[in-house]
Amino acid sequence: RNSEFNKSLFLNFFGYYNFYTSIFERHGISFPQNAIELGCGERPYTAFRFLMEGVSRCVVNDVTSIDGKFPNQFVEHLRTLVELTKRGRGQKLDKVIIRDSNGTIGIKGLEIHDRQPFEDIEIDGSFDLVYSVSVLEHVMKPREVVAKMRELLKPGGYACHSVDLRDHGDFSNPLGFLRLTEQEYAPMKTENRMRASDWFELFEENGFKRIECEFDTYESAQNLEHQYALDRPPTIWVDNAMRAEFSPPFNEKELADLSVVGIRVLYQRPA
């Protein structure tokens, strides 16, 4: 049943939450009180977990519709599940749920801004954290998106993002779309095709300080086994012959840059 959901409960409610909190712990970052999620999908599971664990306000955004109401039976099953992971955790769940007369359940502190791109949302207040997983590669106005992050984050706030830089049309050919010109790619454009260096440059242009970056590369062009490296140069598997097949401006990128197929970054807006 979980596989029928857009962005699964287990991956978002447990996996992504643990990913973010491990980064907070690694750098001694206080648990956020106000957070924003880009591209949460139909169900804001990660935001649900953040609110359950003590976040006061969590804004969720997506270009599609977001359903912030949960069936009562689903929440009862979720309570059983969180109790299995840690006894007493179900009490945290009870503190944030809001029951209505229709038998559905809302979440305290959840604020939905859907059916609009992130760069266009208007929100009052400032935030401790803006986060996303496998979303930034799809935004069509990346410069405006990063500028919006700076605008909404309070001084000293954090931006934490996982960006999948592969060709989503064929993961077995992760850089295939770099062979296409802008004109050839336009009819199928679902990713912005920005490389790791482009994202680094964009964040730095907006005054962000990079705190951490985990690079995702492959062992070789023949063996697409993921290689992860935290804050050190990635494995270079793209060679000159491969680069020569790419269209501008990709055929002018460094081999190390082209070899990066994903990044997980933590940036801080200077105080």
C-alpha atoms as a PDB file:
ATOM      1  CA  ARG A   1       0.000   0.000   0.000  1.00  0.00           C
ATOM      2  CA  ASN A   2       2.895   2.313   0.774  1.00  0.00           C
ATOM      3  CA  SER A   3       4.129   2.010  -2.816  1.00  0.00           C
ATOM      4  CA  GLU A   4       0.916   3.590  -4.062  1.00  0.00           C
ATOM      5  CA  PHE A   5       1.708   6.911  -2.378  1.00  0.00           C
ATOM      6  CA  ASN A   6       3.542   9.736  -4.137  1.00  0.00           C
ATOM      7  CA  LYS A   7       6.865   9.877  -2.288  1.00  0.00           C
ATOM      8  CA  SER A   8       6.628   7.023   0.164  1.00  0.00           C
ATOM      9  CA  LEU A   9       5.903   7.304   3.865  1.00  0.00           C
ATOM     10  CA  PHE A  10       8.924   5.243   4.869  1.00  0.00           C
ATOM     11  CA  LEU A  11      11.381   7.224   2.785  1.00  0.00           C
ATOM     12  CA  ASN A  12      10.031  10.645   3.779  1.00  0.00           C
ATOM     13  CA  PHE A  13       8.738  10.217   7.328  1.00  0.00           C
ATOM     14  CA  PHE A  14      11.708   8.149   8.478  1.00  0.00           C
ATOM     15  CA  GLY A  15      14.540   8.223   5.922  1.00  0.00           C
ATOM     16  CA  TYR A  16      14.647  11.897   4.966  1.00  0.00           C
ATOM     17  CA  TYR A  17      13.981  13.020   8.522  1.00  0.00           C
ATOM     18  CA  ASN A  18      16.938  10.947   9.739  1.00  0.00           C
ATOM     19  CA  PHE A  19      19.081  12.362   6.928  1.00  0.00           C
ATOM     20  CA  TYR A  20      18.430  15.939   8.039  1.00  0.00           C
ATOM     21  CA  THR A  21      18.776  15.322  11.765  1.00  0.00           C
ATOM     22  CA  SER A  22      22.100  13.504  11.280  1.00  0.00           C
ATOM     23  CA  ILE A  23      23.424  16.613   9.519  1.00  0.00           C
ATOM     24  CA  PHE A  24      22.160  18.842  12.346  1.00  0.00           C
ATOM     25  CA  GLU A  25      23.919  16.642  14.900  1.00  0.00           C
ATOM     26  CA  ARG A  26      27.143  16.530  12.884  1.00  0.00           C
ATOM     27  CA  HIS A  27      27.413  20.321  12.912  1.00  0.00           C
ATOM     28  CA  GLY A  28      25.832  21.093  16.276  1.00  0.00           C
ATOM     29  CA  ILE A  29      22.833  22.810  14.669  1.00  0.00           C
ATOM     30  CA  SER A  30      19.804  23.459  16.867  1.00  0.00           C
ATOM     31  CA  PHE A  31      16.580  21.757  15.864  1.00  0.00           C
ATOM     32  CA  PRO A  32      14.632  24.199  13.649  1.00  0.00           C
ATOM     33  CA  GLN A  33      11.477  25.897  14.852  1.00  0.00           C
ATOM     34  CA  ASN A  34      10.368  27.223  11.475  1.00  0.00           C
ATOM     35  CA  ALA A  35      11.065  25.313   8.251  1.00  0.00           C
ATOM     36  CA  ILE A  36      10.121  25.272   4.552  1.00  0.00           C
ATOM     37  CA  GLU A  37      10.076  22.260   2.226  1.00  0.00           C
ATOM     38  CA  LEU A  38      10.320  22.613  -1.542  1.00  0.00           C
ATOM     39  CA  GLY A  39       8.538  19.995  -3.622  1.00  0.00           C
ATOM     40  CA  CYS A  40       6.990  17.850  -0.894  1.00  0.00           C
ATOM     41  CA  GLY A  41       4.717  16.021  -3.344  1.00  0.00           C
ATOM     42  CA  GLU A  42       1.098  15.121  -2.711  1.00  0.00           C
ATOM     43  CA  ARG A  43       1.666  14.089   0.909  1.00  0.00           C
ATOM     44  CA  PRO A  44       3.931  16.183   3.228  1.00  0.00           C
ATOM     45  CA  TYR A  45       5.317  13.260   5.211  1.00  0.00           C
ATOM     46  CA  THR A  46       8.680  14.830   6.100  1.00  0.00           C
ATOM     47  CA  ALA A  47       6.975  18.007   7.315  1.00  0.00           C
ATOM     48  CA  PHE A  48       4.589  15.841   9.359  1.00  0.00           C
ATOM     49  CA  ARG A  49       7.579  14.228  11.084  1.00  0.00           C
ATOM     50  CA  PHE A  50       9.343  17.549  11.679  1.00  0.00           C
ATOM     51  CA  LEU A  51       6.207  18.947  13.331  1.00  0.00           C
ATOM     52  CA  MET A  52       5.773  15.802  15.402  1.00  0.00           C
ATOM     53  CA  GLU A  53       9.345  16.163  16.680  1.00  0.00           C
ATOM     54  CA  GLY A  54       9.010  19.802  17.720  1.00  0.00           C
ATOM     55  CA  VAL A  55       9.071  22.140  14.721  1.00  0.00           C
ATOM     56  CA  SER A  56       6.483  24.877  15.362  1.00  0.00           C
ATOM     57  CA  ARG A  57       5.736  25.874  11.778  1.00  0.00           C
ATOM     58  CA  CYS A  58       6.456  23.977   8.576  1.00  0.00           C
ATOM     59  CA  VAL A  59       5.559  25.481   5.202  1.00  0.00           C
ATOM     60  CA  VAL A  60       5.268  23.026   2.315  1.00  0.00           C
ATOM     61  CA  ASN A  61       5.296  23.991  -1.340  1.00  0.00           C
ATOM     62  CA  ASP A  62       4.819  22.207  -4.646  1.00  0.00           C
ATOM     63  CA  VAL A  63       3.702  23.095  -8.167  1.00  0.00           C
ATOM     64  CA  THR A  64       1.032  20.395  -7.862  1.00  0.00           C
ATOM     65  CA  SER A  65      -1.741  19.948  -5.304  1.00  0.00           C
ATOM     66  CA  ILE A  66      -0.790  19.023  -1.722  1.00  0.00           C
ATOM     67  CA  ASP A  67      -3.144  17.067   0.525  1.00  0.00           C
ATOM     68  CA  GLY A  68      -2.538  18.030   4.149  1.00  0.00           C
ATOM     69  CA  LYS A  69      -5.408  15.920   5.501  1.00  0.00           C
ATOM     70  CA  PHE A  70      -4.901  12.294   6.517  1.00  0.00           C
ATOM     71  CA  PRO A  71      -7.485   9.524   7.008  1.00  0.00           C
ATOM     72  CA  ASN A  72      -8.056   8.587  10.629  1.00  0.00           C
ATOM     73  CA  GLN A  73      -7.174   4.935   9.967  1.00  0.00           C
ATOM     74  CA  PHE A  74      -3.870   5.964   8.389  1.00  0.00           C
ATOM     75  CA  VAL A  75      -2.926   7.980  11.486  1.00  0.00           C
ATOM     76  CA  GLU A  76      -3.856   5.071  13.754  1.00  0.00           C
ATOM     77  CA  HIS A  77      -1.602   2.769  11.756  1.00  0.00           C
ATOM     78  CA  LEU A  78       1.134   5.418  11.881  1.00  0.00           C
ATOM     79  CA  ARG A  79       0.823   5.627  15.668  1.00  0.00           C
ATOM     80  CA  THR A  80       1.378   1.867  15.897  1.00  0.00           C
ATOM     81  CA  LEU A  81       4.386   2.162  13.629  1.00  0.00           C
ATOM     82  CA  VAL A  82       6.082   5.010  15.526  1.00  0.00           C
ATOM     83  CA  GLU A  83       5.483   3.187  18.808  1.00  0.00           C
ATOM     84  CA  LEU A  84       7.321   0.198  17.359  1.00  0.00           C
ATOM     85  CA  THR A  85      10.308   2.386  16.531  1.00  0.00           C
ATOM     86  CA  LYS A  86      10.370   3.980  19.991  1.00  0.00           C
ATOM     87  CA  ARG A  87       7.990   3.532  22.909  1.00  0.00           C
ATOM     88  CA  GLY A  88       6.229   6.782  23.803  1.00  0.00           C
ATOM     89  CA  ARG A  89       6.681   8.331  20.377  1.00  0.00           C
ATOM     90  CA  GLY A  90       2.952   8.006  19.728  1.00  0.00           C
ATOM     91  CA  GLN A  91       2.345  10.716  22.343  1.00  0.00           C
ATOM     92  CA  LYS A  92       4.255  13.169  20.168  1.00  0.00           C
ATOM     93  CA  LEU A  93       1.974  12.259  17.304  1.00  0.00           C
ATOM     94  CA  ASP A  94      -1.136  12.934  19.411  1.00  0.00           C
ATOM     95  CA  LYS A  95       0.073  16.443  20.269  1.00  0.00           C
ATOM     96  CA  VAL A  96       0.098  17.633  16.641  1.00  0.00           C
ATOM     97  CA  ILE A  97      -2.987  16.027  15.113  1.00  0.00           C
ATOM     98  CA  ILE A  98      -6.256  17.936  14.656  1.00  0.00           C
ATOM     99  CA  ARG A  99      -9.406  15.861  14.231  1.00  0.00           C
ATOM    100  CA  ASP A 100     -12.317  17.254  12.239  1.00  0.00           C
ATOM    101  CA  SER A 101     -15.959  16.232  11.922  1.00  0.00           C
ATOM    102  CA  ASN A 102     -15.344  14.472   8.604  1.00  0.00           C
ATOM    103  CA  GLY A 103     -13.112  11.824  10.161  1.00  0.00           C
ATOM    104  CA  THR A 104      -9.941  13.248   8.664  1.00  0.00           C
ATOM    105  CA  ILE A 105      -6.939  14.601  10.511  1.00  0.00           C
ATOM    106  CA  GLY A 106      -4.947  17.780  10.005  1.00  0.00           C
ATOM    107  CA  ILE A 107      -1.532  18.655  11.424  1.00  0.00           C
ATOM    108  CA  LYS A 108      -0.825  21.589  13.729  1.00  0.00           C
ATOM    109  CA  GLY A 109       1.734  23.995  12.297  1.00  0.00           C
ATOM    110  CA  LEU A 110       1.440  22.709   8.720  1.00  0.00           C
ATOM    111  CA  GLU A 111       1.053  25.508   6.168  1.00  0.00           C
ATOM    112  CA  ILE A 112       0.387  24.639   2.517  1.00  0.00           C
ATOM    113  CA  HIS A 113       1.388  26.764  -0.465  1.00  0.00           C
ATOM    114  CA  ASP A 114       0.642  24.527  -3.445  1.00  0.00           C
ATOM    115  CA  ARG A 115       0.053  24.844  -7.194  1.00  0.00           C
ATOM    116  CA  GLN A 116       2.708  27.528  -7.517  1.00  0.00           C
ATOM    117  CA  PRO A 117       6.485  27.569  -7.941  1.00  0.00           C
ATOM    118  CA  PHE A 118       8.627  28.264  -4.911  1.00  0.00           C
ATOM    119  CA  GLU A 119       9.966  31.548  -6.257  1.00  0.00           C
ATOM    120  CA  ASP A 120       6.430  32.978  -6.395  1.00  0.00           C
ATOM    121  CA  ILE A 121       5.182  32.156  -2.891  1.00  0.00           C
ATOM    122  CA  GLU A 122       4.507  34.993  -0.447  1.00  0.00           C
ATOM    123  CA  ILE A 123       5.090  34.057   3.189  1.00  0.00           C
ATOM    124  CA  ASP A 124       5.278  36.149   6.342  1.00  0.00           C
ATOM    125  CA  GLY A 125       8.123  35.606   8.766  1.00  0.00           C
ATOM    126  CA  SER A 126      11.613  34.211   8.530  1.00  0.00           C
ATOM    127  CA  PHE A 127      12.804  30.620   8.740  1.00  0.00           C
ATOM    128  CA  ASP A 128      15.558  28.535  10.302  1.00  0.00           C
ATOM    129  CA  LEU A 129      15.663  25.922   7.536  1.00  0.00           C
ATOM    130  CA  VAL A 130      14.715  25.443   3.889  1.00  0.00           C
ATOM    131  CA  TYR A 131      15.096  21.888   2.588  1.00  0.00           C
ATOM    132  CA  SER A 132      14.358  19.568  -0.347  1.00  0.00           C
ATOM    133  CA  VAL A 133      15.191  16.156  -1.766  1.00  0.00           C
ATOM    134  CA  SER A 134      15.464  15.591  -5.539  1.00  0.00           C
ATOM    135  CA  VAL A 135      13.612  18.811  -6.354  1.00  0.00           C
ATOM    136  CA  LEU A 136      16.129  21.494  -7.328  1.00  0.00           C
ATOM    137  CA  GLU A 137      17.107  19.664 -10.516  1.00  0.00           C
ATOM    138  CA  HIS A 138      13.546  20.262 -11.743  1.00  0.00           C
ATOM    139  CA  VAL A 139      13.162  23.989 -11.046  1.00  0.00           C
ATOM    140  CA  MET A 140      13.075  26.094 -14.192  1.00  0.00           C
ATOM    141  CA  LYS A 141      14.179  29.343 -12.531  1.00  0.00           C
ATOM    142  CA  PRO A 142      17.071  28.235 -10.299  1.00  0.00           C
ATOM    143  CA  ARG A 143      18.482  31.742  -9.847  1.00  0.00           C
ATOM    144  CA  GLU A 144      15.144  33.025  -8.557  1.00  0.00           C
ATOM    145  CA  VAL A 145      14.688  29.941  -6.360  1.00  0.00           C
ATOM    146  CA  VAL A 146      18.018  30.409  -4.544  1.00  0.00           C
ATOM    147  CA  ALA A 147      17.345  34.148  -4.185  1.00  0.00           C
ATOM    148  CA  LYS A 148      13.985  33.275  -2.596  1.00  0.00           C
ATOM    149  CA  MET A 149      15.741  30.979  -0.126  1.00  0.00           C
ATOM    150  CA  ARG A 150      17.949  33.857   0.989  1.00  0.00           C
ATOM    151  CA  GLU A 151      14.935  36.137   1.283  1.00  0.00           C
ATOM    152  CA  LEU A 152      13.012  33.712   3.494  1.00  0.00           C
ATOM    153  CA  LEU A 153      15.852  32.465   5.691  1.00  0.00           C
ATOM    154  CA  LYS A 154      16.764  34.391   8.813  1.00  0.00           C
ATOM    155  CA  PRO A 155      20.434  35.407   9.193  1.00  0.00           C
ATOM    156  CA  GLY A 156      22.286  32.268  10.233  1.00  0.00           C
ATOM    157  CA  GLY A 157      19.557  30.027   8.789  1.00  0.00           C
ATOM    158  CA  TYR A 158      20.351  26.889   6.788  1.00  0.00           C
ATOM    159  CA  ALA A 159      19.581  25.541   3.320  1.00  0.00           C
ATOM    160  CA  CYS A 160      19.865  21.744   3.078  1.00  0.00           C
ATOM    161  CA  HIS A 161      19.258  20.068  -0.270  1.00  0.00           C
ATOM    162  CA  SER A 162      19.844  16.789  -2.067  1.00  0.00           C
ATOM    163  CA  VAL A 163      20.098  17.326  -5.830  1.00  0.00           C
ATOM    164  CA  ASP A 164      19.960  14.478  -8.363  1.00  0.00           C
ATOM    165  CA  LEU A 165      21.966  15.574 -11.410  1.00  0.00           C
ATOM    166  CA  ARG A 166      21.221  12.548 -13.600  1.00  0.00           C
ATOM    167  CA  ASP A 167      19.124  12.347 -16.748  1.00  0.00           C
ATOM    168  CA  HIS A 168      15.788  11.283 -15.264  1.00  0.00           C
ATOM    169  CA  GLY A 169      14.668   9.924 -18.621  1.00  0.00           C
ATOM    170  CA  ASP A 170      17.211   7.104 -18.417  1.00  0.00           C
ATOM    171  CA  PHE A 171      19.129   6.503 -15.201  1.00  0.00           C
ATOM    172  CA  SER A 172      21.231   3.864 -16.979  1.00  0.00           C
ATOM    173  CA  ASN A 173      22.588   6.684 -19.162  1.00  0.00           C
ATOM    174  CA  PRO A 174      22.923   9.373 -16.467  1.00  0.00           C
ATOM    175  CA  LEU A 175      24.533  12.068 -18.630  1.00  0.00           C
ATOM    176  CA  GLY A 176      22.712  11.300 -21.862  1.00  0.00           C
ATOM    177  CA  PHE A 177      20.778  14.564 -21.889  1.00  0.00           C
ATOM    178  CA  LEU A 178      24.029  16.551 -21.946  1.00  0.00           C
ATOM    179  CA  ARG A 179      24.509  15.456 -25.553  1.00  0.00           C
ATOM    180  CA  LEU A 180      21.433  17.435 -26.611  1.00  0.00           C
ATOM    181  CA  THR A 181      21.394  21.099 -27.552  1.00  0.00           C
ATOM    182  CA  GLU A 182      18.950  23.404 -25.763  1.00  0.00           C
ATOM    183  CA  GLN A 183      16.700  23.282 -28.806  1.00  0.00           C
ATOM    184  CA  GLU A 184      16.757  19.479 -28.942  1.00  0.00           C
ATOM    185  CA  TYR A 185      16.125  19.156 -25.212  1.00  0.00           C
ATOM    186  CA  ALA A 186      13.336  21.763 -24.996  1.00  0.00           C
ATOM    187  CA  PRO A 187      10.410  19.442 -25.951  1.00  0.00           C
ATOM    188  CA  MET A 188      11.272  17.001 -23.136  1.00  0.00           C
ATOM    189  CA  LYS A 189      12.742  19.401 -20.567  1.00  0.00           C
ATOM    190  CA  THR A 190      11.986  18.104 -17.092  1.00  0.00           C
ATOM    191  CA  GLU A 191      15.375  18.919 -15.516  1.00  0.00           C
ATOM    192  CA  ASN A 192      17.388  22.122 -15.700  1.00  0.00           C
ATOM    193  CA  ARG A 193      20.626  20.163 -16.421  1.00  0.00           C
ATOM    194  CA  MET A 194      22.662  22.329 -14.013  1.00  0.00           C
ATOM    195  CA  ARG A 195      25.864  20.708 -12.821  1.00  0.00           C
ATOM    196  CA  ALA A 196      27.317  20.750  -9.312  1.00  0.00           C
ATOM    197  CA  SER A 197      29.563  23.733 -10.052  1.00  0.00           C
ATOM    198  CA  ASP A 198      26.569  25.725 -11.280  1.00  0.00           C
ATOM    199  CA  TRP A 199      24.750  25.181  -7.996  1.00  0.00           C
ATOM    200  CA  PHE A 200      27.831  26.065  -5.955  1.00  0.00           C
ATOM    201  CA  GLU A 201      28.239  29.282  -7.903  1.00  0.00           C
ATOM    202  CA  LEU A 202      24.568  30.199  -7.530  1.00  0.00           C
ATOM    203  CA  PHE A 203      24.538  29.740  -3.761  1.00  0.00           C
ATOM    204  CA  GLU A 204      27.763  31.690  -3.389  1.00  0.00           C
ATOM    205  CA  GLU A 205      26.394  34.534  -5.545  1.00  0.00           C
ATOM    206  CA  ASN A 206      23.593  34.842  -3.009  1.00  0.00           C
ATOM    207  CA  GLY A 207      26.015  35.066  -0.092  1.00  0.00           C
ATOM    208  CA  PHE A 208      25.596  31.530   1.253  1.00  0.00           C
ATOM    209  CA  LYS A 209      28.485  29.785   3.007  1.00  0.00           C
ATOM    210  CA  ARG A 210      28.938  26.103   2.230  1.00  0.00           C
ATOM    211  CA  ILE A 211      29.132  24.026   5.406  1.00  0.00           C
ATOM    212  CA  GLU A 212      29.075  20.512   3.937  1.00  0.00           C
ATOM    213  CA  CYS A 213      28.819  18.729   0.598  1.00  0.00           C
ATOM    214  CA  GLU A 214      28.534  15.035  -0.142  1.00  0.00           C
ATOM    215  CA  PHE A 215      29.357  14.129  -3.733  1.00  0.00           C
ATOM    216  CA  ASP A 216      27.749  11.219  -5.566  1.00  0.00           C
ATOM    217  CA  THR A 217      29.712   9.746  -8.493  1.00  0.00           C
ATOM    218  CA  TYR A 218      30.171   6.333 -10.096  1.00  0.00           C
ATOM    219  CA  GLU A 219      32.966   3.825  -9.906  1.00  0.00           C
ATOM    220  CA  SER A 220      33.430   3.949 -13.681  1.00  0.00           C
ATOM    221  CA  ALA A 221      31.587   4.571 -16.928  1.00  0.00           C
ATOM    222  CA  GLN A 222      31.033   0.822 -17.223  1.00  0.00           C
ATOM    223  CA  ASN A 223      30.155   0.168 -13.595  1.00  0.00           C
ATOM    224  CA  LEU A 224      27.428   2.494 -12.346  1.00  0.00           C
ATOM    225  CA  GLU A 225      27.967   1.683  -8.678  1.00  0.00           C
ATOM    226  CA  HIS A 226      27.459   4.758  -6.528  1.00  0.00           C
ATOM    227  CA  GLN A 227      30.515   6.260  -4.855  1.00  0.00           C
ATOM    228  CA  TYR A 228      29.956   8.784  -2.042  1.00  0.00           C
ATOM    229  CA  ALA A 229      32.537  11.271  -0.820  1.00  0.00           C
ATOM    230  CA  LEU A 230      32.000  13.810   1.954  1.00  0.00           C
ATOM    231  CA  ASP A 231      33.788  17.139   1.395  1.00  0.00           C
ATOM    232  CA  ARG A 232      36.500  15.747  -0.882  1.00  0.00           C
ATOM    233  CA  PRO A 233      36.870  15.549  -4.674  1.00  0.00           C
ATOM    234  CA  PRO A 234      34.668  12.928  -6.332  1.00  0.00           C
ATOM    235  CA  THR A 235      35.780   9.933  -8.356  1.00  0.00           C
ATOM    236  CA  ILE A 236      36.393  11.026 -11.961  1.00  0.00           C
ATOM    237  CA  TRP A 237      34.777   8.541 -14.337  1.00  0.00           C
ATOM    238  CA  VAL A 238      34.008  10.870 -17.275  1.00  0.00           C
ATOM    239  CA  ASP A 239      36.913  11.061 -19.745  1.00  0.00           C
ATOM    240  CA  ASN A 240      37.813  13.469 -22.544  1.00  0.00           C
ATOM    241  CA  ALA A 241      36.161  11.314 -25.209  1.00  0.00           C
ATOM    242  CA  MET A 242      32.861  11.350 -23.330  1.00  0.00           C
ATOM    243  CA  ARG A 243      33.058  15.088 -22.736  1.00  0.00           C
ATOM    244  CA  ALA A 244      33.632  15.731 -26.434  1.00  0.00           C
ATOM    245  CA  GLU A 245      30.210  14.210 -27.168  1.00  0.00           C
ATOM    246  CA  PHE A 246      28.394  16.755 -24.993  1.00  0.00           C
ATOM    247  CA  SER A 247      26.795  19.927 -26.319  1.00  0.00           C
ATOM    248  CA  PRO A 248      27.874  23.411 -25.154  1.00  0.00           C
ATOM    249  CA  PRO A 249      28.306  24.487 -22.426  1.00  0.00           C
ATOM    250  CA  PHE A 250      28.743  20.987 -21.006  1.00  0.00           C
ATOM    251  CA  ASN A 251      31.660  20.103 -23.271  1.00  0.00           C
ATOM    252  CA  GLU A 252      33.627  22.879 -21.555  1.00  0.00           C
ATOM    253  CA  LYS A 253      33.064  21.672 -17.999  1.00  0.00           C
ATOM    254  CA  GLU A 254      35.789  20.072 -15.897  1.00  0.00           C
ATOM    255  CA  LEU A 255      35.832  16.256 -15.920  1.00  0.00           C
ATOM    256  CA  ALA A 256      35.438  16.181 -12.141  1.00  0.00           C
ATOM    257  CA  ASP A 257      32.357  18.399 -12.382  1.00  0.00           C
ATOM    258  CA  LEU A 258      30.781  16.231 -15.070  1.00  0.00           C
ATOM    259  CA  SER A 259      31.507  13.117 -13.000  1.00  0.00           C
ATOM    260  CA  VAL A 260      29.235  14.317 -10.191  1.00  0.00           C
ATOM    261  CA  VAL A 261      25.759  12.789 -10.540  1.00  0.00           C
ATOM    262  CA  GLY A 262      24.372  14.067  -7.248  1.00  0.00           C
ATOM    263  CA  ILE A 263      25.126  16.403  -4.367  1.00  0.00           C
ATOM    264  CA  ARG A 264      23.837  16.763  -0.817  1.00  0.00           C
ATOM    265  CA  VAL A 265      24.652  20.235   0.436  1.00  0.00           C
ATOM    266  CA  LEU A 266      24.304  22.268   3.602  1.00  0.00           C
ATOM    267  CA  TYR A 267      24.603  26.035   3.216  1.00  0.00           C
ATOM    268  CA  GLN A 268      24.237  28.787   5.756  1.00  0.00           C
ATOM    269  CA  ARG A 269      23.022  32.311   5.228  1.00  0.00           C
ATOM    270  CA  PRO A 270      25.585  34.554   6.972  1.00  0.00           C
ATOM    271  CA  ALA A 271      24.411  36.235  10.166  1.00  0.00           C
END
